[in-house]
Amino acid sequence: MATPDNPAAIAPRRSRALRILCAVAGGGLFLALVIFFGIGRWLVAEDPLGKARAIVVLSGAMPMRAIEAAKLYREGYAPEVWLNHSTEPGETLEEMGIPFTGEDLYNSLVLIHEGVPAEAIHVLEPPIVNTADEIRVVASALARANGDAVILVTTKVHTRRVRLLWRRLASGQGRAIVRAASRDPFDPRRWWRSTSDALDVVREVLGVLNAWADLPLHPAR
């Protein structure tokens, strides 16, 4: 007769535990693969285009974002294009005695080159450091202009974090239409094949987690 101390009784229990452990490990591996291969597409979260008070070129990725903003302006989605003035790398270069006119100047030149009249381009104040700063400055400018919506132009991998930050920091201050630059080479289906895409994904995932946690860390741009 089999007893709890009998190997004949212990063996089936061990076999059952091993099967459960393998099933859990297999399920965990499958879930990890689904997340790994799908995270790039999840990070790309654009909104349908619509009329807005202004088109905003978020800092970074020159001249791609400005070119997209100019395209949207020519298509008549907004009467103005807004730029933010980033404190970096200007402050660091100034300490080194190296003059730097600012990213907003070059974005303005790109916009003018692409057909946006100079009088339709406005640089917002105060200066910004990161995306959270940009959201706050843009929301304040939208409120002052009595507008109901802005189009935020960024890069593909950055879109979900921008949407999340607007909801967290500018709730009730108008609507943000988040759009990615159409020339952005980021491949959301095969992001792991490119070092730059992989680094962008890691940065954005950490940024989204930080936003979900109510920004305990200073967000990176």
N, C-alpha and C. Protein backbone atom coordinates (compact mmCIF):
# COMPACT_ATOMS: atom_id res chain seq x y z
N MET A 1 0.86 -1.19 0.00
CA MET A 1 0.00 0.00 0.00
C MET A 1 0.89 1.24 0.00
N ALA A 2 0.50 2.25 -0.85
CA ALA A 2 1.28 3.49 -0.93
C ALA A 2 0.98 4.36 0.27
N THR A 3 2.02 4.93 0.86
CA THR A 3 1.89 5.86 1.98
C THR A 3 2.59 7.15 1.62
N PRO A 4 2.36 8.26 2.39
CA PRO A 4 3.03 9.53 2.08
C PRO A 4 4.54 9.42 2.06
N ASP A 5 5.08 8.43 2.84
CA ASP A 5 6.53 8.26 2.87
C ASP A 5 7.00 7.29 1.82
N ASN A 6 6.08 6.72 1.09
CA ASN A 6 6.40 5.72 0.08
C ASN A 6 6.79 6.41 -1.22
N PRO A 7 7.93 6.06 -1.84
CA PRO A 7 8.32 6.66 -3.12
C PRO A 7 7.25 6.54 -4.19
N ALA A 8 6.45 5.50 -4.14
CA ALA A 8 5.40 5.32 -5.14
C ALA A 8 4.34 6.41 -5.04
N ALA A 9 4.16 6.98 -3.83
CA ALA A 9 3.19 8.08 -3.65
C ALA A 9 3.83 9.43 -3.91
N ILE A 10 5.12 9.58 -3.61
CA ILE A 10 5.80 10.86 -3.76
C ILE A 10 6.05 11.19 -5.23
N ALA A 11 6.38 10.18 -6.04
CA ALA A 11 6.73 10.39 -7.44
C ALA A 11 5.63 11.08 -8.24
N PRO A 12 4.34 10.67 -8.12
CA PRO A 12 3.30 11.37 -8.89
C PRO A 12 3.15 12.83 -8.49
N ARG A 13 3.32 13.11 -7.17
CA ARG A 13 3.21 14.50 -6.74
C ARG A 13 4.32 15.35 -7.33
N ARG A 14 5.53 14.82 -7.36
CA ARG A 14 6.65 15.55 -7.94
C ARG A 14 6.45 15.76 -9.44
N SER A 15 5.94 14.75 -10.09
CA SER A 15 5.70 14.86 -11.53
C SER A 15 4.65 15.93 -11.82
N ARG A 16 3.58 15.95 -11.01
CA ARG A 16 2.53 16.95 -11.18
C ARG A 16 3.06 18.36 -10.92
N ALA A 17 3.88 18.53 -9.87
CA ALA A 17 4.46 19.83 -9.56
C ALA A 17 5.39 20.30 -10.68
N LEU A 18 6.14 19.32 -11.25
CA LEU A 18 7.05 19.67 -12.34
C LEU A 18 6.26 20.12 -13.57
N ARG A 19 5.15 19.46 -13.87
CA ARG A 19 4.32 19.86 -15.01
C ARG A 19 3.75 21.25 -14.81
N ILE A 20 3.30 21.54 -13.59
CA ILE A 20 2.76 22.87 -13.29
C ILE A 20 3.84 23.94 -13.44
N LEU A 21 5.05 23.64 -12.93
CA LEU A 21 6.15 24.58 -13.03
C LEU A 21 6.52 24.84 -14.48
N CYS A 22 6.55 23.80 -15.29
CA CYS A 22 6.87 23.96 -16.72
C CYS A 22 5.80 24.79 -17.43
N ALA A 23 4.53 24.54 -17.06
CA ALA A 23 3.44 25.30 -17.68
C ALA A 23 3.53 26.78 -17.33
N VAL A 24 3.83 27.07 -16.06
CA VAL A 24 3.96 28.47 -15.63
C VAL A 24 5.14 29.13 -16.33
N ALA A 25 6.28 28.41 -16.39
CA ALA A 25 7.46 28.97 -17.06
C ALA A 25 7.19 29.20 -18.55
N GLY A 26 6.51 28.24 -19.17
CA GLY A 26 6.18 28.39 -20.59
C GLY A 26 5.25 29.56 -20.83
N GLY A 27 4.25 29.72 -19.95
CA GLY A 27 3.33 30.85 -20.07
C GLY A 27 4.04 32.17 -19.87
N GLY A 28 4.95 32.21 -18.89
CA GLY A 28 5.70 33.43 -18.65
C GLY A 28 6.60 33.80 -19.83
N LEU A 29 7.23 32.79 -20.43
CA LEU A 29 8.08 33.03 -21.59
C LEU A 29 7.25 33.53 -22.77
N PHE A 30 6.09 32.93 -22.98
CA PHE A 30 5.21 33.35 -24.09
C PHE A 30 4.77 34.81 -23.89
N LEU A 31 4.39 35.15 -22.65
CA LEU A 31 3.97 36.52 -22.37
C LEU A 31 5.12 37.50 -22.59
N ALA A 32 6.33 37.10 -22.16
CA ALA A 32 7.49 37.97 -22.34
C ALA A 32 7.77 38.20 -23.82
N LEU A 33 7.61 37.17 -24.64
CA LEU A 33 7.84 37.31 -26.09
C LEU A 33 6.78 38.21 -26.72
N VAL A 34 5.53 38.05 -26.29
CA VAL A 34 4.46 38.90 -26.82
C VAL A 34 4.75 40.37 -26.51
N ILE A 35 5.16 40.65 -25.27
CA ILE A 35 5.47 42.02 -24.87
C ILE A 35 6.68 42.53 -25.65
N PHE A 36 7.71 41.71 -25.77
CA PHE A 36 8.93 42.13 -26.46
C PHE A 36 8.65 42.50 -27.91
N PHE A 37 7.94 41.63 -28.63
CA PHE A 37 7.69 41.88 -30.05
C PHE A 37 6.60 42.93 -30.28
N GLY A 38 5.75 43.17 -29.28
CA GLY A 38 4.65 44.11 -29.47
C GLY A 38 4.87 45.49 -28.89
N ILE A 39 5.93 45.67 -28.10
CA ILE A 39 6.09 46.94 -27.39
C ILE A 39 6.32 48.11 -28.34
N GLY A 40 7.01 47.86 -29.45
CA GLY A 40 7.26 48.93 -30.40
C GLY A 40 5.97 49.49 -30.99
N ARG A 41 5.06 48.59 -31.37
CA ARG A 41 3.78 49.03 -31.93
C ARG A 41 2.92 49.69 -30.86
N TRP A 42 3.00 49.21 -29.63
CA TRP A 42 2.21 49.80 -28.55
C TRP A 42 2.63 51.23 -28.26
N LEU A 43 3.92 51.51 -28.38
CA LEU A 43 4.40 52.86 -28.08
C LEU A 43 3.95 53.89 -29.11
N VAL A 44 3.60 53.45 -30.33
CA VAL A 44 3.14 54.37 -31.37
C VAL A 44 1.64 54.56 -31.21
N ALA A 45 1.23 55.74 -30.77
CA ALA A 45 -0.18 56.01 -30.46
C ALA A 45 -0.57 57.38 -31.00
N GLU A 46 -0.93 57.43 -32.27
CA GLU A 46 -1.32 58.69 -32.90
C GLU A 46 -2.82 58.92 -32.78
N ASP A 47 -3.21 60.20 -32.88
CA ASP A 47 -4.62 60.59 -32.87
C ASP A 47 -5.05 60.99 -34.28
N PRO A 48 -6.35 60.88 -34.58
CA PRO A 48 -6.84 61.35 -35.88
C PRO A 48 -6.63 62.86 -36.01
N LEU A 49 -6.25 63.28 -37.20
CA LEU A 49 -6.03 64.71 -37.44
C LEU A 49 -7.33 65.50 -37.41
N GLY A 50 -7.23 66.75 -36.99
CA GLY A 50 -8.37 67.65 -36.97
C GLY A 50 -7.88 69.08 -36.87
N LYS A 51 -8.75 70.03 -37.06
CA LYS A 51 -8.39 71.44 -36.96
C LYS A 51 -7.97 71.78 -35.54
N ALA A 52 -7.00 72.68 -35.42
CA ALA A 52 -6.48 73.04 -34.10
C ALA A 52 -6.07 74.51 -34.08
N ARG A 53 -5.82 75.01 -32.87
CA ARG A 53 -5.39 76.40 -32.71
C ARG A 53 -3.98 76.58 -33.23
N ALA A 54 -3.13 75.56 -33.02
CA ALA A 54 -1.73 75.67 -33.46
C ALA A 54 -1.14 74.27 -33.62
N ILE A 55 -0.08 74.23 -34.37
CA ILE A 55 0.73 73.01 -34.51
C ILE A 55 1.99 73.24 -33.70
N VAL A 56 2.31 72.31 -32.83
CA VAL A 56 3.46 72.47 -31.93
C VAL A 56 4.56 71.49 -32.33
N VAL A 57 5.75 72.03 -32.55
CA VAL A 57 6.92 71.19 -32.83
C VAL A 57 7.60 70.88 -31.50
N LEU A 58 7.48 69.67 -31.02
CA LEU A 58 8.16 69.30 -29.79
C LEU A 58 9.66 69.24 -30.03
N SER A 59 10.45 69.62 -29.04
CA SER A 59 11.90 69.72 -29.21
C SER A 59 12.53 68.37 -29.50
N GLY A 60 13.57 68.41 -30.31
CA GLY A 60 14.30 67.20 -30.66
C GLY A 60 14.04 66.77 -32.10
N ALA A 61 14.89 65.83 -32.55
CA ALA A 61 14.74 65.20 -33.87
C ALA A 61 14.65 66.22 -35.00
N MET A 62 15.53 67.21 -34.97
CA MET A 62 15.57 68.18 -36.07
C MET A 62 16.14 67.50 -37.33
N PRO A 63 15.66 67.89 -38.51
CA PRO A 63 14.55 68.81 -38.79
C PRO A 63 13.23 68.09 -39.03
N MET A 64 13.19 66.78 -38.70
CA MET A 64 12.07 65.92 -39.08
C MET A 64 10.73 66.42 -38.53
N ARG A 65 10.70 66.80 -37.26
CA ARG A 65 9.43 67.24 -36.67
C ARG A 65 8.97 68.56 -37.27
N ALA A 66 9.91 69.47 -37.52
CA ALA A 66 9.55 70.76 -38.11
C ALA A 66 9.03 70.58 -39.53
N ILE A 67 9.61 69.67 -40.29
CA ILE A 67 9.15 69.40 -41.65
C ILE A 67 7.70 68.89 -41.64
N GLU A 68 7.40 68.02 -40.68
CA GLU A 68 6.03 67.50 -40.56
C GLU A 68 5.06 68.61 -40.17
N ALA A 69 5.48 69.47 -39.25
CA ALA A 69 4.62 70.58 -38.83
C ALA A 69 4.32 71.50 -40.02
N ALA A 70 5.32 71.77 -40.84
CA ALA A 70 5.12 72.61 -42.01
C ALA A 70 4.13 71.96 -42.99
N LYS A 71 4.23 70.67 -43.13
CA LYS A 71 3.30 69.95 -44.01
C LYS A 71 1.87 70.09 -43.51
N LEU A 72 1.67 69.93 -42.21
CA LEU A 72 0.33 70.07 -41.63
C LEU A 72 -0.18 71.50 -41.76
N TYR A 73 0.74 72.46 -41.61
CA TYR A 73 0.35 73.87 -41.79
C TYR A 73 -0.12 74.11 -43.22
N ARG A 74 0.62 73.62 -44.20
CA ARG A 74 0.24 73.82 -45.60
C ARG A 74 -1.09 73.16 -45.92
N GLU A 75 -1.40 72.09 -45.20
CA GLU A 75 -2.67 71.39 -45.42
C GLU A 75 -3.83 72.08 -44.70
N GLY A 76 -3.54 73.13 -43.94
CA GLY A 76 -4.59 73.95 -43.35
C GLY A 76 -5.13 73.48 -42.01
N TYR A 77 -4.36 72.69 -41.27
CA TYR A 77 -4.87 72.18 -40.00
C TYR A 77 -4.79 73.21 -38.87
N ALA A 78 -3.97 74.22 -39.01
CA ALA A 78 -3.87 75.27 -37.98
C ALA A 78 -3.25 76.52 -38.60
N PRO A 79 -3.56 77.70 -38.02
CA PRO A 79 -3.03 78.95 -38.58
C PRO A 79 -1.66 79.34 -38.05
N GLU A 80 -1.16 78.64 -37.04
CA GLU A 80 0.12 78.98 -36.44
C GLU A 80 0.93 77.73 -36.14
N VAL A 81 2.25 77.93 -36.03
CA VAL A 81 3.15 76.87 -35.58
C VAL A 81 3.88 77.39 -34.35
N TRP A 82 3.84 76.62 -33.26
CA TRP A 82 4.48 77.02 -32.00
C TRP A 82 5.73 76.19 -31.78
N LEU A 83 6.77 76.86 -31.30
CA LEU A 83 8.02 76.20 -30.94
C LEU A 83 8.32 76.44 -29.48
N ASN A 84 9.02 75.51 -28.86
CA ASN A 84 9.51 75.70 -27.51
C ASN A 84 10.99 76.04 -27.54
N HIS A 85 11.42 76.78 -26.55
CA HIS A 85 12.83 77.14 -26.44
C HIS A 85 13.48 76.26 -25.38
N SER A 86 14.35 75.36 -25.82
CA SER A 86 15.01 74.44 -24.90
C SER A 86 16.24 75.10 -24.28
N THR A 87 16.44 74.88 -22.98
CA THR A 87 17.60 75.45 -22.30
C THR A 87 18.90 74.76 -22.69
N GLU A 88 18.80 73.53 -23.14
CA GLU A 88 20.00 72.77 -23.51
C GLU A 88 20.00 72.48 -25.02
N PRO A 89 21.19 72.40 -25.62
CA PRO A 89 22.52 72.47 -24.98
C PRO A 89 23.05 73.88 -24.81
N GLY A 90 22.18 74.89 -25.00
CA GLY A 90 22.63 76.27 -24.95
C GLY A 90 23.34 76.65 -23.66
N GLU A 91 22.76 76.28 -22.50
CA GLU A 91 23.37 76.66 -21.21
C GLU A 91 24.75 76.05 -21.04
N THR A 92 24.88 74.78 -21.38
CA THR A 92 26.18 74.11 -21.23
C THR A 92 27.21 74.70 -22.18
N LEU A 93 26.81 74.97 -23.41
CA LEU A 93 27.74 75.55 -24.38
C LEU A 93 28.14 76.97 -23.98
N GLU A 94 27.20 77.72 -23.42
CA GLU A 94 27.50 79.09 -22.98
C GLU A 94 28.55 79.09 -21.89
N GLU A 95 28.47 78.10 -20.97
CA GLU A 95 29.47 77.99 -19.93
C GLU A 95 30.86 77.71 -20.51
N MET A 96 30.89 77.12 -21.68
CA MET A 96 32.15 76.82 -22.35
C MET A 96 32.60 77.95 -23.27
N GLY A 97 31.79 79.02 -23.32
CA GLY A 97 32.13 80.13 -24.19
C GLY A 97 31.82 79.88 -25.65
N ILE A 98 30.93 78.92 -25.92
CA ILE A 98 30.57 78.58 -27.30
C ILE A 98 29.17 79.10 -27.56
N PRO A 99 29.00 80.00 -28.52
CA PRO A 99 27.66 80.56 -28.78
C PRO A 99 26.75 79.52 -29.43
N PHE A 100 25.50 79.52 -29.00
CA PHE A 100 24.49 78.61 -29.57
C PHE A 100 23.18 79.37 -29.63
N THR A 101 22.63 79.51 -30.82
CA THR A 101 21.44 80.34 -31.00
C THR A 101 20.15 79.65 -30.57
N GLY A 102 20.16 78.34 -30.46
CA GLY A 102 18.97 77.63 -29.98
C GLY A 102 18.29 76.80 -31.05
N GLU A 103 17.75 75.68 -30.63
CA GLU A 103 17.05 74.77 -31.53
C GLU A 103 15.85 75.45 -32.18
N ASP A 104 15.18 76.33 -31.43
CA ASP A 104 13.99 76.99 -31.98
C ASP A 104 14.32 77.84 -33.20
N LEU A 105 15.52 78.43 -33.24
CA LEU A 105 15.91 79.23 -34.41
C LEU A 105 16.02 78.34 -35.64
N TYR A 106 16.68 77.20 -35.49
CA TYR A 106 16.84 76.31 -36.64
C TYR A 106 15.51 75.71 -37.07
N ASN A 107 14.66 75.39 -36.10
CA ASN A 107 13.33 74.92 -36.47
C ASN A 107 12.56 76.00 -37.22
N SER A 108 12.72 77.25 -36.81
CA SER A 108 12.06 78.35 -37.52
C SER A 108 12.55 78.44 -38.96
N LEU A 109 13.86 78.30 -39.16
CA LEU A 109 14.41 78.35 -40.50
C LEU A 109 13.89 77.20 -41.36
N VAL A 110 13.77 76.02 -40.76
CA VAL A 110 13.22 74.88 -41.49
C VAL A 110 11.78 75.15 -41.88
N LEU A 111 10.99 75.66 -40.94
CA LEU A 111 9.58 75.96 -41.22
C LEU A 111 9.45 76.97 -42.35
N ILE A 112 10.24 78.02 -42.31
CA ILE A 112 10.19 79.04 -43.37
C ILE A 112 10.59 78.42 -44.71
N HIS A 113 11.62 77.60 -44.68
CA HIS A 113 12.05 76.91 -45.91
C HIS A 113 10.94 76.05 -46.49
N GLU A 114 10.12 75.48 -45.59
CA GLU A 114 9.06 74.58 -46.01
C GLU A 114 7.73 75.30 -46.27
N GLY A 115 7.75 76.63 -46.27
CA GLY A 115 6.57 77.37 -46.69
C GLY A 115 5.72 77.98 -45.60
N VAL A 116 6.20 77.97 -44.36
CA VAL A 116 5.43 78.60 -43.27
C VAL A 116 5.87 80.05 -43.15
N PRO A 117 4.95 81.02 -43.21
CA PRO A 117 5.34 82.43 -43.07
C PRO A 117 5.94 82.71 -41.69
N ALA A 118 6.92 83.59 -41.65
CA ALA A 118 7.58 83.91 -40.38
C ALA A 118 6.60 84.41 -39.34
N GLU A 119 5.58 85.17 -39.78
CA GLU A 119 4.61 85.73 -38.83
C GLU A 119 3.70 84.66 -38.22
N ALA A 120 3.69 83.46 -38.79
CA ALA A 120 2.87 82.37 -38.25
C ALA A 120 3.64 81.51 -37.25
N ILE A 121 4.91 81.82 -37.05
CA ILE A 121 5.77 81.03 -36.16
C ILE A 121 5.96 81.78 -34.85
N HIS A 122 5.71 81.08 -33.74
CA HIS A 122 5.81 81.71 -32.42
C HIS A 122 6.61 80.81 -31.47
N VAL A 123 7.56 81.41 -30.77
CA VAL A 123 8.36 80.69 -29.78
C VAL A 123 7.75 80.93 -28.41
N LEU A 124 7.40 79.85 -27.72
CA LEU A 124 6.73 79.95 -26.42
C LEU A 124 7.73 80.15 -25.29
N GLU A 125 7.26 80.77 -24.25
CA GLU A 125 8.05 80.97 -23.03
C GLU A 125 7.26 80.38 -21.86
N PRO A 126 7.92 79.97 -20.78
CA PRO A 126 9.36 80.04 -20.50
C PRO A 126 10.12 78.90 -21.17
N PRO A 127 11.47 78.93 -21.08
CA PRO A 127 12.28 77.84 -21.65
C PRO A 127 11.94 76.50 -21.00
N ILE A 128 12.20 75.43 -21.73
CA ILE A 128 11.85 74.09 -21.24
C ILE A 128 13.11 73.23 -21.14
N VAL A 129 12.99 72.16 -20.36
CA VAL A 129 14.07 71.20 -20.21
C VAL A 129 13.69 69.84 -20.77
N ASN A 130 12.43 69.45 -20.60
CA ASN A 130 12.00 68.11 -20.99
C ASN A 130 10.56 68.14 -21.51
N THR A 131 10.04 66.99 -21.83
CA THR A 131 8.71 66.90 -22.43
C THR A 131 7.62 67.37 -21.45
N ALA A 132 7.78 67.06 -20.17
CA ALA A 132 6.79 67.51 -19.19
C ALA A 132 6.71 69.03 -19.17
N ASP A 133 7.88 69.69 -19.22
CA ASP A 133 7.89 71.15 -19.30
C ASP A 133 7.16 71.64 -20.54
N GLU A 134 7.43 70.98 -21.66
CA GLU A 134 6.79 71.38 -22.92
C GLU A 134 5.27 71.31 -22.82
N ILE A 135 4.77 70.23 -22.25
CA ILE A 135 3.32 70.06 -22.11
C ILE A 135 2.73 71.19 -21.29
N ARG A 136 3.36 71.53 -20.19
CA ARG A 136 2.85 72.61 -19.34
C ARG A 136 2.85 73.95 -20.07
N VAL A 137 3.93 74.24 -20.78
CA VAL A 137 4.04 75.52 -21.49
C VAL A 137 3.01 75.60 -22.61
N VAL A 138 2.85 74.51 -23.36
CA VAL A 138 1.89 74.50 -24.46
C VAL A 138 0.46 74.63 -23.94
N ALA A 139 0.15 73.92 -22.86
CA ALA A 139 -1.20 74.00 -22.29
C ALA A 139 -1.52 75.42 -21.83
N SER A 140 -0.55 76.08 -21.23
CA SER A 140 -0.75 77.47 -20.79
C SER A 140 -0.96 78.39 -21.98
N ALA A 141 -0.18 78.19 -23.04
CA ALA A 141 -0.32 79.02 -24.24
C ALA A 141 -1.67 78.78 -24.91
N LEU A 142 -2.13 77.55 -24.91
CA LEU A 142 -3.43 77.24 -25.49
C LEU A 142 -4.55 77.93 -24.72
N ALA A 143 -4.44 77.93 -23.39
CA ALA A 143 -5.45 78.60 -22.56
C ALA A 143 -5.47 80.10 -22.81
N ARG A 144 -4.29 80.70 -22.93
CA ARG A 144 -4.21 82.15 -23.19
C ARG A 144 -4.80 82.50 -24.55
N ALA A 145 -4.65 81.58 -25.51
CA ALA A 145 -5.16 81.83 -26.85
C ALA A 145 -6.63 81.45 -27.00
N ASN A 146 -7.24 80.98 -25.91
CA ASN A 146 -8.64 80.55 -25.94
C ASN A 146 -8.89 79.47 -27.00
N GLY A 147 -7.90 78.60 -27.16
CA GLY A 147 -8.03 77.52 -28.13
C GLY A 147 -8.56 76.26 -27.49
N ASP A 148 -9.07 75.36 -28.32
CA ASP A 148 -9.61 74.11 -27.78
C ASP A 148 -8.74 72.90 -28.11
N ALA A 149 -7.75 73.07 -29.02
CA ALA A 149 -6.92 71.92 -29.39
C ALA A 149 -5.60 72.38 -29.98
N VAL A 150 -4.58 71.56 -29.80
CA VAL A 150 -3.29 71.75 -30.46
C VAL A 150 -2.87 70.42 -31.08
N ILE A 151 -2.08 70.51 -32.13
CA ILE A 151 -1.48 69.32 -32.73
C ILE A 151 -0.04 69.26 -32.26
N LEU A 152 0.33 68.19 -31.55
CA LEU A 152 1.68 68.01 -31.04
C LEU A 152 2.44 67.08 -31.98
N VAL A 153 3.46 67.61 -32.63
CA VAL A 153 4.23 66.82 -33.59
C VAL A 153 5.49 66.29 -32.92
N THR A 154 5.66 64.98 -32.96
CA THR A 154 6.82 64.36 -32.34
C THR A 154 7.26 63.19 -33.23
N THR A 155 8.01 62.27 -32.67
CA THR A 155 8.42 61.07 -33.40
C THR A 155 7.55 59.89 -32.96
N LYS A 156 7.57 58.83 -33.75
CA LYS A 156 6.64 57.71 -33.55
C LYS A 156 6.73 57.12 -32.15
N VAL A 157 7.94 56.78 -31.73
CA VAL A 157 8.11 56.07 -30.46
C VAL A 157 7.76 56.96 -29.27
N HIS A 158 7.71 58.27 -29.47
CA HIS A 158 7.47 59.23 -28.40
C HIS A 158 5.98 59.54 -28.22
N THR A 159 5.13 59.08 -29.13
CA THR A 159 3.74 59.51 -29.14
C THR A 159 2.96 59.08 -27.91
N ARG A 160 3.11 57.85 -27.47
CA ARG A 160 2.32 57.40 -26.32
C ARG A 160 2.67 58.18 -25.06
N ARG A 161 3.94 58.43 -24.85
CA ARG A 161 4.33 59.18 -23.64
C ARG A 161 3.80 60.61 -23.70
N VAL A 162 3.82 61.21 -24.89
CA VAL A 162 3.30 62.57 -25.02
C VAL A 162 1.80 62.60 -24.69
N ARG A 163 1.04 61.64 -25.20
CA ARG A 163 -0.40 61.57 -24.90
C ARG A 163 -0.62 61.40 -23.41
N LEU A 164 0.15 60.52 -22.79
CA LEU A 164 -0.01 60.26 -21.36
C LEU A 164 0.32 61.50 -20.53
N LEU A 165 1.40 62.18 -20.89
CA LEU A 165 1.78 63.39 -20.15
C LEU A 165 0.74 64.49 -20.30
N TRP A 166 0.16 64.63 -21.48
CA TRP A 166 -0.89 65.64 -21.64
C TRP A 166 -2.07 65.34 -20.72
N ARG A 167 -2.47 64.08 -20.65
CA ARG A 167 -3.59 63.71 -19.79
C ARG A 167 -3.25 63.92 -18.32
N ARG A 168 -1.99 63.71 -17.95
CA ARG A 168 -1.60 63.87 -16.56
C ARG A 168 -1.40 65.34 -16.18
N LEU A 169 -0.85 66.13 -17.09
CA LEU A 169 -0.42 67.49 -16.74
C LEU A 169 -1.32 68.58 -17.28
N ALA A 170 -2.15 68.28 -18.28
CA ALA A 170 -2.96 69.33 -18.91
C ALA A 170 -4.42 68.92 -19.01
N SER A 171 -4.85 68.10 -18.11
CA SER A 171 -6.25 67.66 -18.13
C SER A 171 -7.18 68.85 -17.96
N GLY A 172 -8.17 68.95 -18.84
CA GLY A 172 -9.13 70.04 -18.78
C GLY A 172 -8.65 71.34 -19.40
N GLN A 173 -7.46 71.34 -20.01
CA GLN A 173 -6.91 72.55 -20.61
C GLN A 173 -6.90 72.49 -22.14
N GLY A 174 -7.81 71.74 -22.69
CA GLY A 174 -7.86 71.60 -24.14
C GLY A 174 -7.46 70.20 -24.56
N ARG A 175 -7.55 69.98 -25.85
CA ARG A 175 -7.30 68.65 -26.41
C ARG A 175 -5.99 68.64 -27.18
N ALA A 176 -5.24 67.56 -27.00
CA ALA A 176 -3.99 67.39 -27.74
C ALA A 176 -4.19 66.33 -28.82
N ILE A 177 -3.84 66.68 -30.05
CA ILE A 177 -3.84 65.74 -31.16
C ILE A 177 -2.38 65.37 -31.40
N VAL A 178 -2.00 64.17 -31.02
CA VAL A 178 -0.61 63.76 -31.09
C VAL A 178 -0.34 63.10 -32.44
N ARG A 179 0.65 63.61 -33.15
CA ARG A 179 0.99 63.10 -34.48
C ARG A 179 2.49 62.85 -34.57
N ALA A 180 2.85 61.81 -35.32
CA ALA A 180 4.26 61.48 -35.54
C ALA A 180 4.71 61.98 -36.90
N ALA A 181 5.98 62.33 -36.99
CA ALA A 181 6.54 62.75 -38.27
C ALA A 181 6.49 61.59 -39.25
N SER A 182 5.94 61.86 -40.43
CA SER A 182 5.77 60.79 -41.42
C SER A 182 7.11 60.29 -41.95
N ARG A 183 8.16 61.10 -41.84
CA ARG A 183 9.49 60.68 -42.32
C ARG A 183 10.28 59.92 -41.26
N ASP A 184 9.71 59.71 -40.12
CA ASP A 184 10.40 59.02 -39.03
C ASP A 184 10.73 57.58 -39.47
N PRO A 185 12.01 57.17 -39.44
CA PRO A 185 12.38 55.83 -39.89
C PRO A 185 12.16 54.73 -38.85
N PHE A 186 11.69 55.08 -37.66
CA PHE A 186 11.48 54.08 -36.61
C PHE A 186 10.57 52.96 -37.11
N ASP A 187 11.02 51.69 -36.91
CA ASP A 187 10.25 50.52 -37.33
C ASP A 187 9.65 49.84 -36.10
N PRO A 188 8.36 50.07 -35.82
CA PRO A 188 7.78 49.51 -34.60
C PRO A 188 7.68 47.99 -34.60
N ARG A 189 7.70 47.36 -35.76
CA ARG A 189 7.59 45.90 -35.83
C ARG A 189 8.93 45.20 -35.65
N ARG A 190 10.02 45.89 -35.96
CA ARG A 190 11.35 45.27 -35.87
C ARG A 190 12.31 46.23 -35.16
N TRP A 191 11.86 46.82 -34.07
CA TRP A 191 12.65 47.84 -33.38
C TRP A 191 13.96 47.31 -32.84
N TRP A 192 14.05 46.01 -32.55
CA TRP A 192 15.24 45.44 -31.94
C TRP A 192 16.39 45.29 -32.95
N ARG A 193 16.13 45.49 -34.22
CA ARG A 193 17.16 45.33 -35.23
C ARG A 193 18.05 46.55 -35.37
N SER A 194 17.65 47.66 -34.79
CA SER A 194 18.41 48.91 -34.88
C SER A 194 18.80 49.36 -33.48
N THR A 195 20.07 49.71 -33.30
CA THR A 195 20.52 50.18 -31.99
C THR A 195 19.78 51.44 -31.57
N SER A 196 19.62 52.38 -32.49
CA SER A 196 18.94 53.63 -32.14
C SER A 196 17.47 53.38 -31.79
N ASP A 197 16.80 52.50 -32.55
CA ASP A 197 15.40 52.18 -32.24
C ASP A 197 15.29 51.49 -30.88
N ALA A 198 16.20 50.57 -30.61
CA ALA A 198 16.17 49.85 -29.33
C ALA A 198 16.38 50.80 -28.16
N LEU A 199 17.31 51.73 -28.30
CA LEU A 199 17.54 52.70 -27.23
C LEU A 199 16.32 53.60 -27.04
N ASP A 200 15.68 53.98 -28.14
CA ASP A 200 14.47 54.81 -28.05
C ASP A 200 13.36 54.06 -27.32
N VAL A 201 13.20 52.78 -27.61
CA VAL A 201 12.16 51.99 -26.96
C VAL A 201 12.41 51.89 -25.46
N VAL A 202 13.64 51.61 -25.08
CA VAL A 202 13.98 51.50 -23.66
C VAL A 202 13.70 52.82 -22.95
N ARG A 203 14.13 53.93 -23.55
CA ARG A 203 13.91 55.25 -22.93
C ARG A 203 12.43 55.56 -22.79
N GLU A 204 11.66 55.25 -23.83
CA GLU A 204 10.23 55.57 -23.79
C GLU A 204 9.47 54.69 -22.81
N VAL A 205 9.84 53.42 -22.71
CA VAL A 205 9.20 52.54 -21.74
C VAL A 205 9.45 53.06 -20.32
N LEU A 206 10.69 53.45 -20.04
CA LEU A 206 10.99 54.01 -18.72
C LEU A 206 10.23 55.32 -18.50
N GLY A 207 10.11 56.12 -19.56
CA GLY A 207 9.37 57.37 -19.44
C GLY A 207 7.90 57.15 -19.17
N VAL A 208 7.31 56.16 -19.83
CA VAL A 208 5.90 55.84 -19.60
C VAL A 208 5.69 55.34 -18.18
N LEU A 209 6.58 54.47 -17.71
CA LEU A 209 6.48 53.98 -16.33
C LEU A 209 6.59 55.13 -15.34
N ASN A 210 7.48 56.06 -15.61
CA ASN A 210 7.64 57.22 -14.74
C ASN A 210 6.37 58.07 -14.72
N ALA A 211 5.75 58.24 -15.88
CA ALA A 211 4.51 59.02 -15.96
C ALA A 211 3.38 58.30 -15.22
N TRP A 212 3.30 56.99 -15.37
CA TRP A 212 2.28 56.22 -14.64
C TRP A 212 2.45 56.37 -13.13
N ALA A 213 3.70 56.53 -12.69
CA ALA A 213 3.98 56.65 -11.26
C ALA A 213 3.90 58.10 -10.79
N ASP A 214 3.30 59.00 -11.61
CA ASP A 214 3.16 60.42 -11.26
C ASP A 214 4.48 61.16 -11.21
N LEU A 215 5.39 60.79 -12.12
CA LEU A 215 6.63 61.53 -12.36
C LEU A 215 7.52 61.68 -11.12
N PRO A 216 7.85 60.58 -10.44
CA PRO A 216 8.78 60.72 -9.31
C PRO A 216 10.19 61.06 -9.77
N LEU A 217 10.52 60.71 -11.03
CA LEU A 217 11.82 61.04 -11.60
C LEU A 217 11.65 62.17 -12.61
N HIS A 218 12.68 62.99 -12.75
CA HIS A 218 12.63 64.09 -13.69
C HIS A 218 12.60 63.51 -15.09
N PRO A 219 11.53 63.75 -15.89
CA PRO A 219 11.43 63.11 -17.20
C PRO A 219 12.51 63.58 -18.15
N ALA A 220 13.00 62.63 -18.95
CA ALA A 220 13.96 62.97 -20.00
C ALA A 220 13.22 63.43 -21.24
N ARG A 221 13.89 64.23 -22.06
CA ARG A 221 13.25 64.70 -23.28
C ARG A 221 13.22 63.62 -24.32
